[in-house]
C-alpha atoms as a PDB file:
ATOM      1  CA  MET A   1      18.281   2.425  14.388  1.00  0.00           C
ATOM      2  CA  LEU A   2      16.905  -0.089  11.327  1.00  0.00           C
ATOM      3  CA  SER A   3      14.564   1.196   9.082  1.00  0.00           C
ATOM      4  CA  PRO A   4      11.089  -0.882   8.811  1.00  0.00           C
ATOM      5  CA  LYS A   5      12.684  -2.704   5.685  1.00  0.00           C
ATOM      6  CA  GLU A   6      15.753  -3.219   7.124  1.00  0.00           C
ATOM      7  CA  ARG A   7      14.121  -4.679  10.350  1.00  0.00           C
ATOM      8  CA  GLU A   8      11.792  -7.084   7.729  1.00  0.00           C
ATOM      9  CA  GLU A   9      15.041  -8.145   6.004  1.00  0.00           C
ATOM     10  CA  ASN A  10      16.868  -8.850   8.830  1.00  0.00           C
ATOM     11  CA  GLY A  11      14.131 -11.166  10.521  1.00  0.00           C
ATOM     12  CA  ALA A  12      13.124  -8.524  13.074  1.00  0.00           C
ATOM     13  CA  ALA A  13       9.645  -7.865  12.073  1.00  0.00           C
ATOM     14  CA  GLU A  14       7.403 -11.104  12.356  1.00  0.00           C
ATOM     15  CA  TRP A  15       4.802  -9.396  10.426  1.00  0.00           C
ATOM     16  CA  ARG A  16       3.852  -7.111   7.500  1.00  0.00           C
ATOM     17  CA  LEU A  17       0.513  -5.543   7.286  1.00  0.00           C
ATOM     18  CA  ARG A  18      -0.097  -3.616   4.014  1.00  0.00           C
ATOM     19  CA  PRO A  19      -3.220  -1.622   3.629  1.00  0.00           C
ATOM     20  CA  GLU A  20      -4.574   0.062   0.429  1.00  0.00           C
ATOM     21  CA  LEU A  21      -7.510   2.216   0.841  1.00  0.00           C
ATOM     22  CA  LYS A  22      -9.680   1.582  -2.478  1.00  0.00           C
ATOM     23  CA  ARG A  23     -12.743   3.882  -1.557  1.00  0.00           C
ATOM     24  CA  LEU A  24     -13.612   6.442   1.100  1.00  0.00           C
ATOM     25  CA  ASP A  25     -16.751   8.331  -0.079  1.00  0.00           C
ATOM     26  CA  TRP A  26     -20.144   9.607   0.880  1.00  0.00           C
ATOM     27  CA  GLU A  27     -23.322  10.827  -0.640  1.00  0.00           C
ATOM     28  CA  VAL A  28     -26.793  12.401  -0.553  1.00  0.00           C
ATOM     29  CA  PRO A  29     -28.982  10.438  -3.034  1.00  0.00           C
ATOM     30  CA  GLY A  30     -30.546  12.829  -5.376  1.00  0.00           C
ATOM     31  CA  TYR A  31     -28.746  15.865  -3.808  1.00  0.00           C
ATOM     32  CA  SER A  32     -28.994  17.844  -6.779  1.00  0.00           C
ATOM     33  CA  SER A  33     -32.604  17.466  -6.799  1.00  0.00           C
ATOM     34  CA  MET A  34     -33.206  18.417  -3.221  1.00  0.00           C
ATOM     35  CA  VAL A  35     -31.145  21.261  -3.944  1.00  0.00           C
ATOM     36  CA  SER A  36     -33.561  22.241  -6.809  1.00  0.00           C
ATOM     37  CA  LYS A  37     -36.622  21.495  -5.060  1.00  0.00           C
ATOM     38  CA  THR A  38     -35.583  23.700  -2.019  1.00  0.00           C
ATOM     39  CA  PHE A  39     -34.801  26.813  -4.442  1.00  0.00           C
ATOM     40  CA  LEU A  40     -38.194  26.153  -6.363  1.00  0.00           C
ATOM     41  CA  LEU A  41     -40.206  26.086  -2.971  1.00  0.00           C
ATOM     42  CA  SER A  42     -38.385  29.044  -1.448  1.00  0.00           C
ATOM     43  CA  LEU A  43     -39.269  30.889  -4.772  1.00  0.00           C
ATOM     44  CA  PHE A  44     -42.974  29.916  -4.907  1.00  0.00           C
ATOM     45  CA  THR A  45     -43.540  30.195  -1.157  1.00  0.00           C
ATOM     46  CA  GLY A  46     -41.693  33.467  -0.279  1.00  0.00           C
ATOM     47  CA  GLY A  47     -39.160  30.987   1.767  1.00  0.00           C
ATOM     48  CA  ILE A  48     -41.623  29.217   4.064  1.00  0.00           C
ATOM     49  CA  GLY A  49     -41.771  26.216   1.634  1.00  0.00           C
ATOM     50  CA  GLY A  50     -38.220  25.643   1.368  1.00  0.00           C
ATOM     51  CA  VAL A  51     -37.322  25.959   5.240  1.00  0.00           C
ATOM     52  CA  ILE A  52     -40.167  23.339   5.818  1.00  0.00           C
ATOM     53  CA  TYR A  53     -38.448  20.927   3.160  1.00  0.00           C
ATOM     54  CA  ILE A  54     -35.042  21.192   4.361  1.00  0.00           C
ATOM     55  CA  SER A  55     -36.524  20.467   7.808  1.00  0.00           C
ATOM     56  CA  THR A  56     -37.385  16.977   6.627  1.00  0.00           C
ATOM     57  CA  SER A  57     -34.860  13.912   6.657  1.00  0.00           C
ATOM     58  CA  THR A  58     -32.979  12.282   4.024  1.00  0.00           C
ATOM     59  CA  THR A  59     -30.791   9.590   3.788  1.00  0.00           C
ATOM     60  CA  VAL A  60     -26.687   9.764   3.838  1.00  0.00           C
ATOM     61  CA  ASN A  61     -24.362   6.976   3.400  1.00  0.00           C
ATOM     62  CA  GLY A  62     -20.704   6.718   3.966  1.00  0.00           C
ATOM     63  CA  PHE A  63     -18.582   4.131   2.037  1.00  0.00           C
ATOM     64  CA  ALA A  64     -15.169   2.649   2.518  1.00  0.00           C
ATOM     65  CA  VAL A  65     -13.246  -0.265   1.008  1.00  0.00           C
ATOM     66  CA  VAL A  66      -9.790  -1.407   2.226  1.00  0.00           C
ATOM     67  CA  HIS A  67      -7.794  -4.063   0.927  1.00  0.00           C
ATOM     68  CA  LEU A  68      -5.500  -5.584   3.756  1.00  0.00           C
ATOM     69  CA  GLU A  69      -2.611  -8.149   3.310  1.00  0.00           C
ATOM     70  CA  LEU A  70      -0.815  -9.502   6.574  1.00  0.00           C
ATOM     71  CA  THR A  71       2.361 -11.270   5.864  1.00  0.00           C
ATOM     72  CA  GLU A  72       4.610 -13.595   7.890  1.00  0.00           C
ATOM     73  CA  THR A  73       7.803 -12.038   7.048  1.00  0.00           C
ATOM     74  CA  ARG A  74       9.988 -14.890   7.758  1.00  0.00           C
ATOM     75  CA  GLY A  75       8.308 -17.540   5.659  1.00  0.00           C
ATOM     76  CA  ARG A  76       6.895 -14.444   3.389  1.00  0.00           C
ATOM     77  CA  HIS A  77       3.708 -16.215   3.742  1.00  0.00           C
ATOM     78  CA  VAL A  78       0.385 -14.335   3.251  1.00  0.00           C
ATOM     79  CA  VAL A  79      -1.597 -15.260   6.089  1.00  0.00           C
ATOM     80  CA  LEU A  80      -4.379 -12.781   5.071  1.00  0.00           C
ATOM     81  CA  SER A  81      -5.515 -11.098   1.937  1.00  0.00           C
ATOM     82  CA  ARG A  82      -8.805  -9.625   1.698  1.00  0.00           C
ATOM     83  CA  GLU A  83     -10.849  -6.327   0.931  1.00  0.00           C
ATOM     84  CA  TYR A  84     -13.177  -5.196   3.720  1.00  0.00           C
ATOM     85  CA  PRO A  85     -16.080  -3.064   2.755  1.00  0.00           C
ATOM     86  CA  GLY A  86     -17.968  -0.484   5.072  1.00  0.00           C
ATOM     87  CA  PHE A  87     -21.166   0.891   4.618  1.00  0.00           C
ATOM     88  CA  TYR A  88     -22.766   3.244   6.926  1.00  0.00           C
ATOM     89  CA  THR A  89     -26.373   4.967   6.791  1.00  0.00           C
ATOM     90  CA  GLU A  90     -27.811   7.806   8.856  1.00  0.00           C
ATOM     91  CA  LYS A  91     -31.144   9.825   8.447  1.00  0.00           C
ATOM     92  CA  MET A  92     -30.698  13.846   8.953  1.00  0.00           C
ATOM     93  CA  ALA A  93     -32.045  16.997   7.883  1.00  0.00           C
ATOM     94  CA  LYS A  94     -31.914  18.023   4.577  1.00  0.00           C
ATOM     95  CA  GLY A  95     -30.446  21.101   5.422  1.00  0.00           C
ATOM     96  CA  SER A  96     -27.720  19.874   7.471  1.00  0.00           C
ATOM     97  CA  CYS A  97     -26.516  17.075   5.464  1.00  0.00           C
ATOM     98  CA  ASP A  98     -23.866  18.433   3.279  1.00  0.00           C
ATOM     99  CA  THR A  99     -21.430  19.747   5.782  1.00  0.00           C
ATOM    100  CA  SER A 100     -17.896  18.653   6.316  1.00  0.00           C
ATOM    101  CA  SER A 101     -18.568  17.584   9.691  1.00  0.00           C
ATOM    102  CA  THR A 102     -21.361  15.305   8.410  1.00  0.00           C
ATOM    103  CA  ARG A 103     -19.025  13.893   5.431  1.00  0.00           C
ATOM    104  CA  SER A 104     -16.036  12.685   8.340  1.00  0.00           C
ATOM    105  CA  ARG A 105     -18.592  11.332  10.316  1.00  0.00           C
ATOM    106  CA  MET A 106     -19.981   8.878   7.547  1.00  0.00           C
ATOM    107  CA  VAL A 107     -16.610   8.155   6.080  1.00  0.00           C
ATOM    108  CA  THR A 108     -15.137   7.457   9.730  1.00  0.00           C
ATOM    109  CA  GLU A 109     -17.915   5.178  10.452  1.00  0.00           C
ATOM    110  CA  ALA A 110     -17.962   3.464   7.094  1.00  0.00           C
ATOM    111  CA  PHE A 111     -14.289   2.739   7.817  1.00  0.00           C
ATOM    112  CA  LYS A 112     -15.001   1.818  11.433  1.00  0.00           C
ATOM    113  CA  LEU A 113     -17.391  -0.683  10.093  1.00  0.00           C
ATOM    114  CA  ALA A 114     -14.575  -2.232   7.500  1.00  0.00           C
ATOM    115  CA  MET A 115     -11.995  -2.506  10.317  1.00  0.00           C
ATOM    116  CA  GLU A 116     -14.367  -4.613  12.728  1.00  0.00           C
ATOM    117  CA  GLN A 117     -14.555  -7.149   9.870  1.00  0.00           C
ATOM    118  CA  PHE A 118     -10.797  -6.959   9.839  1.00  0.00           C
ATOM    119  CA  LYS A 119     -10.447  -7.502  13.614  1.00  0.00           C
ATOM    120  CA  ALA A 120     -12.680 -10.359  13.624  1.00  0.00           C
ATOM    121  CA  ASP A 121     -10.701 -12.358  11.076  1.00  0.00           C
ATOM    122  CA  LEU A 122      -7.540 -11.529  12.992  1.00  0.00           C
ATOM    123  CA  ALA A 123      -9.522 -13.374  16.116  1.00  0.00           C
ATOM    124  CA  ARG A 124     -10.082 -16.201  13.920  1.00  0.00           C
ATOM    125  CA  LEU A 125      -6.768 -16.500  12.668  1.00  0.00           C
ATOM    126  CA  LYS A 126      -4.597 -19.048  14.675  1.00  0.00           C
ATOM    127  CA  MET A 127      -1.045 -17.799  14.453  1.00  0.00           C
ATOM    128  CA  PRO A 128       1.695 -17.957  16.831  1.00  0.00           C
ATOM    129  CA  ASN A 129       3.262 -15.077  17.734  1.00  0.00           C
ATOM    130  CA  ALA A 130       0.240 -13.097  16.298  1.00  0.00           C
ATOM    131  CA  PRO A 131      -0.086  -9.246  16.393  1.00  0.00           C
ATOM    132  CA  PRO A 132      -2.362  -8.038  19.156  1.00  0.00           C
ATOM    133  CA  ALA A 133      -6.056  -7.117  17.410  1.00  0.00           C
ATOM    134  CA  PRO A 134      -6.254  -3.396  17.166  1.00  0.00           C
END
């Protein structure tokens, strides 16, 4: 069985997609300030103020930037080379905004938005024997 590189060199692979993940991140804007306020409100109100405060909502953001290069291997012609950004935002309770499941969801949604742009570019390209859109 030929390796991907050997298949490409022998002309068996018609297309090469080279991905580069440039950013995959999430943030809760003002998170350290939010933690400080929760502590102080809890301290001065016997916990009640902190519980009420963390029940209110805050914004959580997810970011993704992927550079994709699609090359027709026989002619070594770069058909597409572009960075695809994805940004996803969601409101959620302050008390549940800093979890691993939140982080996973935010970066996944941002990445999906970046890939939707890539799919749209693939659909616009007029290439014989083009790879199917994902």
